[in-house]
């Protein structure tokens, strides 16, 4: 059974950064791209980008470039997303997904002073 399990909810102050992990099981880690997506009721679903654990290559949505970093490879698993310079607009539920078919349970990030 394929499972993606994310780290717990996070509370941050504006300007801080957050790092969320995504542990996978039930398949070969390098077989599936991992996408990161976030959902906020006000802004809807946003695709942040993806990483290929086979070689660590990444694609970032333009909105997040320069502020987000994905890591994932067989030697440094689990997969991570690191987001810098948080603002209130970054408050959302963050999801990892294996080939957009298998989803983590979501991590709530709250940004508040």
C-alpha atoms as a PDB file:
ATOM      1  CA  UNK A   1       0.000   0.000   0.000  1.00  0.00           C
ATOM      2  CA  UNK A   2       1.390   3.358  -1.038  1.00  0.00           C
ATOM      3  CA  UNK A   3       1.437   5.895   1.793  1.00  0.00           C
ATOM      4  CA  UNK A   4       2.719   9.430   2.135  1.00  0.00           C
ATOM      5  CA  UNK A   5       2.932  10.709   5.695  1.00  0.00           C
ATOM      6  CA  UNK A   6       3.697  14.341   6.397  1.00  0.00           C
ATOM      7  CA  UNK A   7       5.058  16.078   9.440  1.00  0.00           C
ATOM      8  CA  UNK A   8       2.765  17.862  11.861  1.00  0.00           C
ATOM      9  CA  UNK A   9       1.110  21.244  11.771  1.00  0.00           C
ATOM     10  CA  UNK A  10       3.285  24.319  12.068  1.00  0.00           C
ATOM     11  CA  UNK A  11       2.842  27.805  13.535  1.00  0.00           C
ATOM     12  CA  UNK A  12       5.216  30.491  12.342  1.00  0.00           C
ATOM     13  CA  UNK A  13       5.626  34.251  12.631  1.00  0.00           C
ATOM     14  CA  UNK A  14       5.872  36.456   9.535  1.00  0.00           C
ATOM     15  CA  UNK A  15       9.338  36.391   8.001  1.00  0.00           C
ATOM     16  CA  UNK A  16      10.163  32.952   9.356  1.00  0.00           C
ATOM     17  CA  UNK A  17      10.599  29.795   7.316  1.00  0.00           C
ATOM     18  CA  UNK A  18       8.998  26.356   7.497  1.00  0.00           C
ATOM     19  CA  UNK A  19      10.151  22.889   6.512  1.00  0.00           C
ATOM     20  CA  UNK A  20       7.676  20.056   5.986  1.00  0.00           C
ATOM     21  CA  UNK A  21       8.621  16.422   5.510  1.00  0.00           C
ATOM     22  CA  UNK A  22       6.894  13.782   3.430  1.00  0.00           C
ATOM     23  CA  UNK A  23       7.791  10.180   4.215  1.00  0.00           C
ATOM     24  CA  UNK A  24       6.806   7.652   1.576  1.00  0.00           C
ATOM     25  CA  UNK A  25       6.309   3.906   1.747  1.00  0.00           C
ATOM     26  CA  UNK A  26       4.885   1.121  -0.363  1.00  0.00           C
ATOM     27  CA  UNK A  27       6.806   1.915  -3.505  1.00  0.00           C
ATOM     28  CA  UNK A  28      10.325   2.598  -4.687  1.00  0.00           C
ATOM     29  CA  UNK A  29      11.094   6.158  -3.643  1.00  0.00           C
ATOM     30  CA  UNK A  30      12.633   7.125  -6.956  1.00  0.00           C
ATOM     31  CA  UNK A  31       9.755   5.791  -9.086  1.00  0.00           C
ATOM     32  CA  UNK A  32       7.396   8.744  -8.706  1.00  0.00           C
ATOM     33  CA  UNK A  33       7.790  12.471  -8.986  1.00  0.00           C
ATOM     34  CA  UNK A  34       6.712  14.245  -5.812  1.00  0.00           C
ATOM     35  CA  UNK A  35       4.555  17.307  -6.246  1.00  0.00           C
ATOM     36  CA  UNK A  36       3.854  19.878  -3.587  1.00  0.00           C
ATOM     37  CA  UNK A  37       0.462  21.558  -3.562  1.00  0.00           C
ATOM     38  CA  UNK A  38      -1.152  23.885  -1.087  1.00  0.00           C
ATOM     39  CA  UNK A  39      -4.762  24.703  -0.404  1.00  0.00           C
ATOM     40  CA  UNK A  40      -6.172  27.839   1.103  1.00  0.00           C
ATOM     41  CA  UNK A  41      -9.913  28.508   1.100  1.00  0.00           C
ATOM     42  CA  UNK A  42      -9.316  32.030  -0.145  1.00  0.00           C
ATOM     43  CA  UNK A  43      -6.875  31.204  -2.959  1.00  0.00           C
ATOM     44  CA  UNK A  44      -7.888  27.654  -3.787  1.00  0.00           C
ATOM     45  CA  UNK A  45      -5.482  24.922  -4.782  1.00  0.00           C
ATOM     46  CA  UNK A  46      -1.991  26.024  -5.815  1.00  0.00           C
ATOM     47  CA  UNK A  47       0.612  23.806  -7.403  1.00  0.00           C
ATOM     48  CA  UNK A  48       4.005  24.747  -5.982  1.00  0.00           C
ATOM     49  CA  UNK A  49       6.171  22.481  -8.110  1.00  0.00           C
ATOM     50  CA  UNK A  50       7.666  19.020  -8.280  1.00  0.00           C
ATOM     51  CA  UNK A  51      10.868  17.109  -7.712  1.00  0.00           C
ATOM     52  CA  UNK A  52      12.201  13.978  -9.332  1.00  0.00           C
ATOM     53  CA  UNK A  53      13.782  11.880  -6.570  1.00  0.00           C
ATOM     54  CA  UNK A  54      15.709   9.979  -9.234  1.00  0.00           C
ATOM     55  CA  UNK A  55      18.083  12.889  -9.817  1.00  0.00           C
ATOM     56  CA  UNK A  56      16.829  15.717  -7.582  1.00  0.00           C
ATOM     57  CA  UNK A  57      15.757  17.849 -10.530  1.00  0.00           C
ATOM     58  CA  UNK A  58      13.051  20.350  -9.689  1.00  0.00           C
ATOM     59  CA  UNK A  59      10.384  22.502 -11.270  1.00  0.00           C
ATOM     60  CA  UNK A  60       9.038  25.404  -9.284  1.00  0.00           C
ATOM     61  CA  UNK A  61       5.919  27.399  -9.981  1.00  0.00           C
ATOM     62  CA  UNK A  62       6.927  30.927 -10.859  1.00  0.00           C
ATOM     63  CA  UNK A  63       5.073  32.324  -7.875  1.00  0.00           C
ATOM     64  CA  UNK A  64       7.355  30.463  -5.454  1.00  0.00           C
ATOM     65  CA  UNK A  65      10.695  30.624  -7.238  1.00  0.00           C
ATOM     66  CA  UNK A  66      13.435  31.985  -5.037  1.00  0.00           C
ATOM     67  CA  UNK A  67      11.513  31.252  -1.884  1.00  0.00           C
ATOM     68  CA  UNK A  68      10.923  27.508  -1.999  1.00  0.00           C
ATOM     69  CA  UNK A  69      13.259  24.530  -2.043  1.00  0.00           C
ATOM     70  CA  UNK A  70      12.360  20.883  -2.575  1.00  0.00           C
ATOM     71  CA  UNK A  71      14.668  18.071  -1.585  1.00  0.00           C
ATOM     72  CA  UNK A  72      14.232  14.383  -2.244  1.00  0.00           C
ATOM     73  CA  UNK A  73      16.634  11.648  -3.118  1.00  0.00           C
ATOM     74  CA  UNK A  74      17.084   8.089  -2.033  1.00  0.00           C
ATOM     75  CA  UNK A  75      19.959   8.958   0.284  1.00  0.00           C
ATOM     76  CA  UNK A  76      18.291  11.889   2.074  1.00  0.00           C
ATOM     77  CA  UNK A  77      14.657  10.808   2.214  1.00  0.00           C
ATOM     78  CA  UNK A  78      12.094  11.780   3.269  1.00  0.00           C
ATOM     79  CA  UNK A  79      11.138  14.476   0.816  1.00  0.00           C
ATOM     80  CA  UNK A  80      11.030  18.015   2.126  1.00  0.00           C
ATOM     81  CA  UNK A  81       9.646  21.373   1.166  1.00  0.00           C
ATOM     82  CA  UNK A  82      11.294  24.449   2.640  1.00  0.00           C
ATOM     83  CA  UNK A  83       9.515  27.791   2.289  1.00  0.00           C
ATOM     84  CA  UNK A  84      11.181  31.061   3.307  1.00  0.00           C
ATOM     85  CA  UNK A  85       9.991  34.561   4.144  1.00  0.00           C
ATOM     86  CA  UNK A  86       6.544  33.514   5.235  1.00  0.00           C
ATOM     87  CA  UNK A  87       3.643  35.924   5.228  1.00  0.00           C
ATOM     88  CA  UNK A  88       0.052  35.556   6.324  1.00  0.00           C
ATOM     89  CA  UNK A  89      -0.799  34.653   2.723  1.00  0.00           C
ATOM     90  CA  UNK A  90       1.269  31.482   3.101  1.00  0.00           C
ATOM     91  CA  UNK A  91      -1.129  30.138   5.690  1.00  0.00           C
ATOM     92  CA  UNK A  92      -2.575  27.013   4.054  1.00  0.00           C
ATOM     93  CA  UNK A  93      -2.665  23.240   4.131  1.00  0.00           C
ATOM     94  CA  UNK A  94       0.365  21.851   2.318  1.00  0.00           C
ATOM     95  CA  UNK A  95       0.287  18.472   0.588  1.00  0.00           C
ATOM     96  CA  UNK A  96       2.848  16.211  -0.992  1.00  0.00           C
ATOM     97  CA  UNK A  97       1.686  13.865  -3.705  1.00  0.00           C
ATOM     98  CA  UNK A  98       3.279  10.947  -5.496  1.00  0.00           C
ATOM     99  CA  UNK A  99       2.579  11.359  -9.250  1.00  0.00           C
ATOM    100  CA  UNK A 100      -0.493  13.345  -8.160  1.00  0.00           C
ATOM    101  CA  UNK A 101      -2.188  10.068  -7.379  1.00  0.00           C
ATOM    102  CA  UNK A 102      -1.099   9.310  -3.840  1.00  0.00           C
ATOM    103  CA  UNK A 103      -1.461  12.132  -1.336  1.00  0.00           C
ATOM    104  CA  UNK A 104      -0.135  12.937   2.086  1.00  0.00           C
ATOM    105  CA  UNK A 105      -2.572  13.841   4.830  1.00  0.00           C
ATOM    106  CA  UNK A 106      -1.731  17.532   4.696  1.00  0.00           C
ATOM    107  CA  UNK A 107       0.145  19.879   7.011  1.00  0.00           C
ATOM    108  CA  UNK A 108      -1.515  23.038   8.258  1.00  0.00           C
ATOM    109  CA  UNK A 109       0.825  26.019   8.264  1.00  0.00           C
ATOM    110  CA  UNK A 110      -0.375  29.053  10.175  1.00  0.00           C
ATOM    111  CA  UNK A 111       1.497  32.333   9.929  1.00  0.00           C
ATOM    112  CA  UNK A 112       0.632  34.820  12.613  1.00  0.00           C
ATOM    113  CA  UNK A 113       2.327  37.512  14.618  1.00  0.00           C
END
